[in-house]
Amino acid sequence: MPYKVLVADDDEGQRKSHGFALEVATAILEDEIAIVETATSVDTWQKIKSEVFNLIILDNDFKDTNLKGHLPGIALLQLAKKEGANRSTPIFFCSADAYDTLKSMVERFGGVYLPKVGYDIEKVAELFAAKMKK
């Protein structure tokens, strides 16, 4: 059975970067990875509540403030760790907001902080694979 990963980011280019890293991770894991993508916080929360994932990759700053139910990524992380079937799912929090307060909040809420600056696909693939190994 393949691994299932949620990639939640409003930036299509960043979703593609995560997709490339996950392709490399398939070779490390020697198994398939089914990728589910979302571009809004509202869709992301719906997926987290309704589906089970082996890994979740979250952005912080979704550009959907006009949508009812909008949440920042840090709130999605908190909710995912408190409610539903993904409470024990590893969550990478990938953000361009590279400040120590955010990093410490992510770690306090049970996530793994991954800065977008200096994103190395091979290193990230190894991190993803290590967290997903069954």
Protein backbone atom coordinates (compact mmCIF):
# COMPACT_ATOMS: atom_id res chain seq x y z
CA MET A 1 0.00 0.00 0.00
CA PRO A 2 1.51 3.35 -1.01
CA TYR A 3 2.27 6.15 1.40
CA LYS A 4 -0.14 9.09 1.35
CA VAL A 5 1.11 12.66 1.76
CA LEU A 6 -0.78 15.95 2.02
CA VAL A 7 1.07 18.91 0.47
CA ALA A 8 -0.67 22.12 1.56
CA ASP A 9 0.69 25.36 0.11
CA ASP A 10 -0.90 28.23 -1.80
CA ASP A 11 2.26 28.56 -3.94
CA GLU A 12 2.20 26.12 -6.88
CA GLY A 13 5.98 26.30 -7.27
CA GLN A 14 6.48 25.27 -3.66
CA ARG A 15 4.02 22.39 -4.06
CA LYS A 16 6.08 21.25 -7.07
CA SER A 17 9.31 21.46 -5.04
CA HIS A 18 7.76 19.26 -2.36
CA GLY A 19 6.58 16.92 -5.13
CA PHE A 20 10.14 16.59 -6.46
CA ALA A 21 11.42 15.84 -2.95
CA LEU A 22 8.70 13.22 -2.52
CA GLU A 23 9.70 11.63 -5.85
CA VAL A 24 13.22 11.24 -4.50
CA ALA A 25 11.75 9.86 -1.25
CA THR A 26 10.02 7.09 -3.22
CA ALA A 27 13.44 5.73 -4.14
CA ILE A 28 14.59 5.89 -0.52
CA LEU A 29 11.42 4.19 0.74
CA GLU A 30 11.23 1.77 -2.20
CA ASP A 31 7.49 2.38 -2.31
CA GLU A 32 4.99 4.66 -4.00
CA ILE A 33 3.75 7.94 -2.56
CA ALA A 34 0.27 9.23 -3.36
CA ILE A 35 0.29 13.03 -3.15
CA VAL A 36 -2.81 15.03 -2.26
CA GLU A 37 -2.44 18.78 -2.87
CA THR A 38 -4.38 21.70 -1.40
CA ALA A 39 -3.92 25.42 -2.03
CA THR A 40 -6.16 26.91 0.67
CA SER A 41 -6.29 26.56 4.42
CA VAL A 42 -10.00 25.71 4.22
CA ASP A 43 -9.39 22.76 1.85
CA THR A 44 -6.39 21.71 3.94
CA TRP A 45 -8.42 21.49 7.13
CA GLN A 46 -11.13 19.50 5.34
CA LYS A 47 -8.52 16.99 4.12
CA ILE A 48 -6.87 16.72 7.54
CA LYS A 49 -10.26 16.04 9.15
CA SER A 50 -11.45 13.52 6.56
CA GLU A 51 -8.40 11.55 5.36
CA VAL A 52 -5.49 9.74 6.99
CA PHE A 53 -1.97 10.67 5.86
CA ASN A 54 1.51 9.27 6.48
CA LEU A 55 2.98 12.79 6.27
CA ILE A 56 1.63 16.35 6.09
CA ILE A 57 3.56 19.31 4.69
CA LEU A 58 2.06 22.67 5.72
CA ASP A 59 2.63 26.25 4.65
CA ASN A 60 1.99 29.04 7.16
CA ASP A 61 0.69 31.95 5.12
CA PHE A 62 -2.22 30.85 2.94
CA LYS A 63 -3.58 33.62 0.70
CA ASP A 64 -7.22 32.71 1.33
CA THR A 65 -8.17 35.28 3.96
CA ASN A 66 -11.32 36.00 1.92
CA LEU A 67 -12.65 32.48 2.58
CA LYS A 68 -14.88 31.66 5.53
CA GLY A 69 -12.96 29.39 7.88
CA HIS A 70 -9.49 30.66 6.85
CA LEU A 71 -6.74 29.59 9.23
CA PRO A 72 -3.00 30.25 9.31
CA GLY A 73 -0.80 27.20 9.01
CA ILE A 74 0.22 27.33 12.67
CA ALA A 75 -3.47 26.96 13.65
CA LEU A 76 -3.83 24.02 11.23
CA LEU A 77 -0.84 22.37 12.88
CA GLN A 78 -2.37 22.82 16.34
CA LEU A 79 -5.75 21.47 15.24
CA ALA A 80 -4.24 18.49 13.41
CA LYS A 81 -2.31 17.50 16.54
CA LYS A 82 -5.42 17.85 18.75
CA GLU A 83 -8.25 16.42 16.64
CA GLY A 84 -8.89 13.58 14.24
CA ALA A 85 -7.01 10.70 12.71
CA ASN A 86 -3.78 12.61 11.96
CA ARG A 87 -2.81 13.43 15.57
CA SER A 88 0.26 11.18 15.32
CA THR A 89 1.05 11.99 11.67
CA PRO A 90 4.43 13.71 11.21
CA ILE A 91 3.89 17.31 10.08
CA PHE A 92 6.54 19.40 8.37
CA PHE A 93 5.90 23.11 8.63
CA CYS A 94 7.58 24.74 5.64
CA SER A 95 7.60 28.51 5.76
CA ALA A 96 9.41 31.50 4.31
CA ASP A 97 8.77 33.18 7.67
CA ALA A 98 12.16 32.31 9.12
CA TYR A 99 11.99 33.69 12.62
CA ASP A 100 12.82 31.88 15.84
CA THR A 101 9.44 32.48 17.49
CA LEU A 102 7.63 30.65 14.69
CA LYS A 103 10.15 27.80 14.76
CA SER A 104 9.73 27.35 18.51
CA MET A 105 5.91 27.45 18.19
CA VAL A 106 6.02 24.77 15.48
CA GLU A 107 8.21 22.54 17.64
CA ARG A 108 6.07 23.17 20.74
CA PHE A 109 2.96 22.09 18.81
CA GLY A 110 4.63 18.88 17.60
CA GLY A 111 5.72 19.85 14.10
CA VAL A 112 9.07 19.88 12.33
CA TYR A 113 10.12 23.34 11.12
CA LEU A 114 11.53 23.41 7.57
CA PRO A 115 12.57 26.81 6.18
CA LYS A 116 11.88 27.50 2.51
CA VAL A 117 15.17 29.38 2.29
CA GLY A 118 17.94 26.94 1.37
CA TYR A 119 15.49 24.16 0.45
CA ASP A 120 17.63 21.21 -0.71
CA ILE A 121 15.47 18.59 -2.45
CA GLU A 122 17.75 15.63 -1.65
CA LYS A 123 18.13 16.54 2.04
CA VAL A 124 14.41 17.24 2.36
CA ALA A 125 13.62 13.90 0.67
CA GLU A 126 15.72 12.12 3.29
CA LEU A 127 13.88 13.96 6.08
CA PHE A 128 10.48 13.10 4.59
CA ALA A 129 11.44 9.43 4.10
CA ALA A 130 12.81 9.11 7.64
CA LYS A 131 9.54 10.41 9.13
CA MET A 132 7.38 8.18 6.91
CA LYS A 133 9.16 4.83 7.31
CA LYS A 134 6.63 2.22 8.38
